């Protein structure tokens, strides 16, 4: 059976992206491979064995575009309002908290943030399917 181990995004400014993922999601470098033309940096925290791989192609100009195919990465947090406030204080600019319902049934509570390269990240409250 296959195990999903990482998702990769290309970044324009590696140091800025590393700081964002540390501040916003508490992710730190678990493995790094540096080559003359590019670097691969794998990020995770103690709650995960799944990683985000940041690929930095040195000297890349202009910045990457996302086309119309990229959706988002999702993370789950225990205290949605606390995370929203914390990220607001960090200047990350989360969207307002939204509720996703089917009739009166609460399916999810969430907000979105964007990393320095514009990749969307959905921040969900841990409940129901998103524990």
N, C-alpha and C. Protein backbone atom coordinates (compact mmCIF):
# COMPACT_ATOMS: atom_id res chain seq x y z
N UNK A 1 0.84 -1.18 0.00
CA UNK A 1 0.00 0.00 0.00
C UNK A 1 0.88 1.24 0.00
N UNK A 2 0.55 2.21 -0.81
CA UNK A 2 1.33 3.44 -0.91
C UNK A 2 1.09 4.34 0.30
N UNK A 3 2.13 5.02 0.72
CA UNK A 3 2.07 5.98 1.82
C UNK A 3 2.46 7.34 1.25
N UNK A 4 1.60 8.34 1.41
CA UNK A 4 1.93 9.69 0.95
C UNK A 4 2.96 10.26 1.92
N UNK A 5 4.09 10.76 1.38
CA UNK A 5 5.18 11.22 2.25
C UNK A 5 5.46 12.71 2.17
N UNK A 6 5.21 13.35 1.02
CA UNK A 6 5.41 14.79 0.95
C UNK A 6 4.68 15.40 -0.24
N UNK A 7 4.51 16.73 -0.16
CA UNK A 7 4.04 17.52 -1.28
C UNK A 7 5.10 18.58 -1.53
N UNK A 8 5.35 18.91 -2.79
CA UNK A 8 6.41 19.84 -3.14
C UNK A 8 5.81 21.12 -3.70
N UNK A 9 6.39 22.24 -3.28
CA UNK A 9 6.08 23.54 -3.87
C UNK A 9 7.39 24.23 -4.21
N UNK A 10 7.39 24.98 -5.30
CA UNK A 10 8.57 25.73 -5.72
C UNK A 10 8.50 27.12 -5.10
N UNK A 11 9.61 27.56 -4.54
CA UNK A 11 9.63 28.86 -3.86
C UNK A 11 10.66 29.77 -4.50
N UNK A 12 10.41 31.06 -4.42
CA UNK A 12 11.28 32.06 -5.03
C UNK A 12 12.34 32.55 -4.06
N UNK A 13 11.99 32.69 -2.78
CA UNK A 13 12.90 33.17 -1.75
C UNK A 13 12.89 32.16 -0.61
N UNK A 14 13.88 31.28 -0.59
CA UNK A 14 13.89 30.17 0.36
C UNK A 14 13.85 30.63 1.81
N UNK A 15 14.67 31.59 2.19
CA UNK A 15 14.71 32.02 3.59
C UNK A 15 13.37 32.60 4.04
N UNK A 16 12.76 33.38 3.18
CA UNK A 16 11.44 33.95 3.50
C UNK A 16 10.40 32.85 3.67
N UNK A 17 10.44 31.84 2.81
CA UNK A 17 9.50 30.72 2.91
C UNK A 17 9.75 29.89 4.17
N UNK A 18 11.02 29.64 4.49
CA UNK A 18 11.33 28.89 5.72
C UNK A 18 10.78 29.61 6.94
N UNK A 19 10.94 30.92 6.99
CA UNK A 19 10.44 31.70 8.13
C UNK A 19 8.91 31.64 8.20
N UNK A 20 8.26 31.76 7.06
CA UNK A 20 6.80 31.70 7.02
C UNK A 20 6.30 30.36 7.57
N UNK A 21 6.82 29.25 7.06
CA UNK A 21 6.34 27.93 7.48
C UNK A 21 6.65 27.66 8.95
N UNK A 22 7.74 28.20 9.45
CA UNK A 22 8.06 28.09 10.88
C UNK A 22 7.05 28.88 11.71
N UNK A 23 6.85 30.14 11.34
CA UNK A 23 5.94 31.00 12.11
C UNK A 23 4.49 30.55 12.01
N UNK A 24 4.03 30.30 10.80
CA UNK A 24 2.61 30.00 10.58
C UNK A 24 2.22 28.61 11.05
N UNK A 25 3.05 27.60 10.75
CA UNK A 25 2.64 26.21 10.98
C UNK A 25 3.55 25.43 11.92
N UNK A 26 4.59 26.07 12.43
CA UNK A 26 5.49 25.37 13.35
C UNK A 26 6.31 24.29 12.67
N UNK A 27 6.58 24.45 11.38
CA UNK A 27 7.36 23.45 10.63
C UNK A 27 8.83 23.85 10.63
N UNK A 28 9.69 22.85 10.78
CA UNK A 28 11.13 23.10 10.72
C UNK A 28 11.77 22.09 9.79
N UNK A 29 13.01 22.35 9.44
CA UNK A 29 13.73 21.51 8.48
C UNK A 29 14.00 20.14 9.08
N UNK A 30 13.57 19.11 8.37
CA UNK A 30 13.86 17.74 8.78
C UNK A 30 14.97 17.14 7.92
N UNK A 31 15.15 17.67 6.72
CA UNK A 31 16.18 17.16 5.80
C UNK A 31 16.43 18.24 4.75
N UNK A 32 17.68 18.40 4.36
CA UNK A 32 18.01 19.43 3.37
C UNK A 32 19.08 18.89 2.43
N UNK A 33 18.86 19.13 1.13
CA UNK A 33 19.81 18.74 0.09
C UNK A 33 20.14 19.98 -0.72
N UNK A 34 21.40 20.41 -0.67
CA UNK A 34 21.83 21.59 -1.41
C UNK A 34 22.72 21.17 -2.58
N UNK A 35 22.43 21.73 -3.74
CA UNK A 35 23.18 21.49 -4.97
C UNK A 35 23.55 22.85 -5.55
N UNK A 36 24.46 22.90 -6.51
CA UNK A 36 24.87 24.19 -7.07
C UNK A 36 23.71 25.02 -7.61
N UNK A 37 22.74 24.39 -8.27
CA UNK A 37 21.66 25.14 -8.93
C UNK A 37 20.34 25.15 -8.17
N UNK A 38 20.18 24.27 -7.18
CA UNK A 38 18.90 24.19 -6.49
C UNK A 38 19.09 23.58 -5.10
N UNK A 39 18.07 23.78 -4.27
CA UNK A 39 18.03 23.17 -2.94
C UNK A 39 16.66 22.55 -2.73
N UNK A 40 16.65 21.43 -2.00
CA UNK A 40 15.41 20.77 -1.58
C UNK A 40 15.40 20.79 -0.06
N UNK A 41 14.36 21.38 0.53
CA UNK A 41 14.27 21.47 1.98
C UNK A 41 12.95 20.85 2.41
N UNK A 42 13.02 19.84 3.27
CA UNK A 42 11.84 19.13 3.74
C UNK A 42 11.47 19.64 5.13
N UNK A 43 10.18 19.97 5.30
CA UNK A 43 9.70 20.56 6.54
C UNK A 43 8.65 19.67 7.19
N UNK A 44 8.69 19.63 8.52
CA UNK A 44 7.64 18.94 9.28
C UNK A 44 7.71 19.40 10.72
N UNK A 45 6.75 18.95 11.53
CA UNK A 45 6.80 19.16 12.97
C UNK A 45 6.54 17.83 13.67
N UNK A 46 6.52 17.83 14.98
CA UNK A 46 6.41 16.58 15.74
C UNK A 46 5.09 15.86 15.52
N UNK A 47 4.07 16.55 15.06
CA UNK A 47 2.77 15.91 14.84
C UNK A 47 2.69 15.18 13.50
N UNK A 48 3.69 15.32 12.65
CA UNK A 48 3.60 14.81 11.28
C UNK A 48 4.76 13.91 10.91
N UNK A 49 4.46 12.93 10.05
CA UNK A 49 5.53 12.27 9.32
C UNK A 49 5.42 12.67 7.84
N UNK A 50 4.34 13.35 7.46
CA UNK A 50 4.17 13.95 6.14
C UNK A 50 4.97 15.25 6.10
N UNK A 51 5.61 15.52 4.97
CA UNK A 51 6.45 16.70 4.85
C UNK A 51 6.02 17.60 3.69
N UNK A 52 6.36 18.88 3.83
CA UNK A 52 6.28 19.82 2.72
C UNK A 52 7.71 19.97 2.20
N UNK A 53 7.90 19.76 0.91
CA UNK A 53 9.22 19.94 0.29
C UNK A 53 9.23 21.29 -0.41
N UNK A 54 10.14 22.15 0.01
CA UNK A 54 10.35 23.42 -0.67
C UNK A 54 11.48 23.23 -1.67
N UNK A 55 11.20 23.49 -2.93
CA UNK A 55 12.22 23.42 -3.97
C UNK A 55 12.58 24.84 -4.37
N UNK A 56 13.87 25.17 -4.22
CA UNK A 56 14.36 26.50 -4.55
C UNK A 56 15.34 26.37 -5.71
N UNK A 57 14.96 26.85 -6.87
CA UNK A 57 15.84 26.89 -8.03
C UNK A 57 16.57 28.23 -7.98
N UNK A 58 17.84 28.18 -7.66
CA UNK A 58 18.63 29.38 -7.42
C UNK A 58 18.68 30.26 -8.66
N UNK A 59 18.46 31.56 -8.46
CA UNK A 59 18.52 32.52 -9.55
C UNK A 59 17.29 32.56 -10.43
N UNK A 60 16.24 31.85 -10.04
CA UNK A 60 15.01 31.82 -10.85
C UNK A 60 14.38 33.21 -10.90
N UNK A 61 14.17 33.70 -12.10
CA UNK A 61 13.43 34.94 -12.34
C UNK A 61 12.58 34.70 -13.57
N UNK A 62 11.35 35.08 -13.58
CA UNK A 62 10.57 35.70 -12.52
C UNK A 62 10.08 34.65 -11.52
N UNK A 63 9.30 35.09 -10.54
CA UNK A 63 8.71 34.17 -9.58
C UNK A 63 7.78 33.20 -10.30
N UNK A 64 7.47 32.09 -9.67
CA UNK A 64 6.60 31.08 -10.25
C UNK A 64 5.16 31.55 -10.32
N UNK A 65 4.43 31.00 -11.27
CA UNK A 65 2.97 31.19 -11.33
C UNK A 65 2.32 29.85 -11.01
N UNK A 66 1.05 29.87 -10.64
CA UNK A 66 0.36 28.65 -10.22
C UNK A 66 -0.57 28.10 -11.28
N UNK A 67 -0.79 28.84 -12.33
CA UNK A 67 -1.74 28.37 -13.33
C UNK A 67 -3.13 28.28 -12.73
N UNK A 68 -3.96 27.42 -13.26
CA UNK A 68 -5.31 27.27 -12.71
C UNK A 68 -5.54 25.89 -12.13
N UNK A 69 -4.46 25.14 -11.87
CA UNK A 69 -4.62 23.79 -11.36
C UNK A 69 -4.37 23.62 -9.88
N UNK A 70 -3.55 24.49 -9.27
CA UNK A 70 -3.22 24.32 -7.86
C UNK A 70 -4.41 24.67 -6.99
N UNK A 71 -4.65 23.86 -5.97
CA UNK A 71 -5.73 24.12 -5.02
C UNK A 71 -5.17 24.65 -3.71
N UNK A 72 -4.86 23.77 -2.78
CA UNK A 72 -4.32 24.19 -1.49
C UNK A 72 -3.79 22.99 -0.72
N UNK A 73 -3.01 23.30 0.29
CA UNK A 73 -2.58 22.36 1.31
C UNK A 73 -3.49 22.60 2.50
N UNK A 74 -3.81 21.59 3.28
CA UNK A 74 -4.67 21.78 4.45
C UNK A 74 -3.97 21.27 5.71
N UNK A 75 -4.18 22.00 6.81
CA UNK A 75 -3.69 21.61 8.12
C UNK A 75 -4.86 21.70 9.09
N UNK A 76 -4.79 20.93 10.18
CA UNK A 76 -5.83 20.96 11.21
C UNK A 76 -5.22 21.44 12.51
N UNK A 77 -5.95 22.32 13.22
CA UNK A 77 -5.49 22.88 14.48
C UNK A 77 -6.58 22.70 15.54
N UNK A 78 -6.19 22.61 16.82
CA UNK A 78 -7.20 22.40 17.86
C UNK A 78 -8.03 23.65 18.18
N UNK A 79 -7.45 24.81 18.14
CA UNK A 79 -8.13 26.06 18.52
C UNK A 79 -8.11 27.03 17.35
N UNK A 80 -9.13 27.00 16.52
CA UNK A 80 -9.14 27.77 15.28
C UNK A 80 -9.04 29.28 15.54
N UNK A 81 -9.83 29.80 16.47
CA UNK A 81 -9.80 31.24 16.73
C UNK A 81 -8.45 31.68 17.26
N UNK A 82 -7.83 30.87 18.13
CA UNK A 82 -6.51 31.22 18.66
C UNK A 82 -5.48 31.28 17.54
N UNK A 83 -5.52 30.32 16.62
CA UNK A 83 -4.59 30.32 15.49
C UNK A 83 -4.85 31.50 14.57
N UNK A 84 -6.11 31.83 14.36
CA UNK A 84 -6.45 32.98 13.53
C UNK A 84 -5.87 34.26 14.14
N UNK A 85 -6.03 34.43 15.44
CA UNK A 85 -5.50 35.61 16.12
C UNK A 85 -3.98 35.63 16.09
N UNK A 86 -3.36 34.47 16.36
CA UNK A 86 -1.89 34.39 16.36
C UNK A 86 -1.34 34.77 14.99
N UNK A 87 -1.94 34.23 13.93
CA UNK A 87 -1.46 34.53 12.59
C UNK A 87 -1.71 35.99 12.21
N UNK A 88 -2.82 36.54 12.67
CA UNK A 88 -3.08 37.96 12.45
C UNK A 88 -1.99 38.80 13.10
N UNK A 89 -1.63 38.45 14.35
CA UNK A 89 -0.57 39.18 15.06
C UNK A 89 0.77 39.09 14.35
N UNK A 90 1.01 37.97 13.66
CA UNK A 90 2.26 37.79 12.91
C UNK A 90 2.24 38.52 11.56
N UNK A 91 1.10 39.10 11.20
CA UNK A 91 1.00 39.80 9.92
C UNK A 91 0.79 38.87 8.74
N UNK A 92 0.25 37.68 9.00
CA UNK A 92 0.04 36.70 7.93
C UNK A 92 -1.26 36.96 7.16
N UNK A 93 -2.20 37.69 7.70
CA UNK A 93 -3.44 38.10 7.05
C UNK A 93 -4.36 36.92 6.70
N UNK A 94 -4.80 36.15 7.70
CA UNK A 94 -5.75 35.08 7.40
C UNK A 94 -7.09 35.65 6.92
N UNK A 95 -7.79 34.87 6.10
CA UNK A 95 -9.14 35.25 5.70
C UNK A 95 -10.06 35.08 6.91
N UNK A 96 -11.27 35.63 6.87
CA UNK A 96 -12.20 35.42 7.98
C UNK A 96 -12.53 33.93 8.15
N UNK A 97 -12.85 33.55 9.39
CA UNK A 97 -13.27 32.17 9.67
C UNK A 97 -14.61 31.92 8.97
N UNK A 98 -14.68 30.79 8.30
CA UNK A 98 -15.91 30.40 7.59
C UNK A 98 -16.42 29.08 8.18
N UNK A 99 -17.71 28.85 8.00
CA UNK A 99 -18.33 27.59 8.40
C UNK A 99 -18.90 26.90 7.18
N UNK A 100 -18.66 25.60 7.10
CA UNK A 100 -19.15 24.78 6.01
C UNK A 100 -20.18 23.83 6.61
N UNK A 101 -21.43 23.97 6.18
CA UNK A 101 -22.53 23.19 6.76
C UNK A 101 -23.29 22.45 5.67
N UNK A 102 -23.92 21.35 6.10
CA UNK A 102 -24.92 20.65 5.29
C UNK A 102 -26.19 20.73 6.09
N UNK A 103 -27.09 21.62 5.68
CA UNK A 103 -28.27 21.90 6.50
C UNK A 103 -27.80 22.54 7.81
N UNK A 104 -28.14 21.95 8.92
CA UNK A 104 -27.70 22.43 10.23
C UNK A 104 -26.44 21.71 10.71
N UNK A 105 -26.00 20.68 9.99
CA UNK A 105 -24.82 19.90 10.39
C UNK A 105 -23.53 20.66 10.06
N UNK A 106 -22.73 20.91 11.09
CA UNK A 106 -21.43 21.57 10.89
C UNK A 106 -20.46 20.54 10.32
N UNK A 107 -19.94 20.81 9.14
CA UNK A 107 -18.96 19.92 8.52
C UNK A 107 -17.54 20.39 8.79
N UNK A 108 -17.33 21.71 8.78
CA UNK A 108 -15.97 22.23 8.99
C UNK A 108 -16.02 23.71 9.31
N UNK A 109 -15.03 24.15 10.09
CA UNK A 109 -14.76 25.56 10.32
C UNK A 109 -13.32 25.79 9.87
N UNK A 110 -13.07 26.89 9.14
CA UNK A 110 -11.75 27.05 8.52
C UNK A 110 -11.49 28.50 8.14
N UNK A 111 -10.22 28.77 7.83
CA UNK A 111 -9.81 30.00 7.17
C UNK A 111 -8.63 29.66 6.28
N UNK A 112 -8.26 30.60 5.41
CA UNK A 112 -7.12 30.40 4.51
C UNK A 112 -6.03 31.42 4.80
N UNK A 113 -4.80 31.00 4.55
CA UNK A 113 -3.64 31.89 4.53
C UNK A 113 -2.90 31.62 3.23
N UNK A 114 -1.94 32.48 2.91
CA UNK A 114 -1.09 32.26 1.73
C UNK A 114 0.36 32.40 2.13
N UNK A 115 1.20 31.50 1.58
CA UNK A 115 2.63 31.60 1.86
C UNK A 115 3.23 32.71 1.00
N UNK A 116 4.52 33.01 1.16
CA UNK A 116 5.12 34.12 0.40
C UNK A 116 5.04 33.98 -1.12
N UNK A 117 4.87 32.76 -1.63
CA UNK A 117 4.75 32.54 -3.06
C UNK A 117 3.30 32.45 -3.53
N UNK A 118 2.36 32.70 -2.62
CA UNK A 118 0.96 32.71 -2.98
C UNK A 118 0.26 31.37 -2.90
N UNK A 119 0.94 30.33 -2.39
CA UNK A 119 0.28 29.04 -2.23
C UNK A 119 -0.74 29.13 -1.11
N UNK A 120 -1.95 28.67 -1.36
CA UNK A 120 -3.01 28.72 -0.36
C UNK A 120 -2.86 27.55 0.62
N UNK A 121 -3.15 27.86 1.88
CA UNK A 121 -3.14 26.85 2.94
C UNK A 121 -4.45 27.00 3.70
N UNK A 122 -5.23 25.92 3.75
CA UNK A 122 -6.47 25.91 4.51
C UNK A 122 -6.17 25.49 5.93
N UNK A 123 -6.63 26.27 6.89
CA UNK A 123 -6.44 25.96 8.31
C UNK A 123 -7.82 25.57 8.84
N UNK A 124 -7.97 24.28 9.18
CA UNK A 124 -9.24 23.72 9.64
C UNK A 124 -9.21 23.47 11.14
N UNK A 125 -10.37 23.61 11.76
CA UNK A 125 -10.50 23.23 13.16
C UNK A 125 -10.57 21.71 13.24
N UNK A 126 -9.85 21.13 14.21
CA UNK A 126 -9.88 19.68 14.38
C UNK A 126 -11.26 19.25 14.90
N UNK A 127 -12.02 18.61 14.04
CA UNK A 127 -13.29 18.03 14.42
C UNK A 127 -13.81 17.21 13.25
N UNK A 128 -14.72 16.32 13.55
CA UNK A 128 -15.33 15.50 12.51
C UNK A 128 -14.28 14.77 11.68
N UNK A 129 -14.37 14.94 10.37
CA UNK A 129 -13.44 14.30 9.44
C UNK A 129 -12.02 14.83 9.58
N UNK A 130 -11.86 16.03 10.13
CA UNK A 130 -10.58 16.73 10.13
C UNK A 130 -9.89 16.67 11.50
N UNK A 131 -9.85 15.50 12.10
CA UNK A 131 -9.23 15.35 13.43
C UNK A 131 -7.75 15.17 13.34
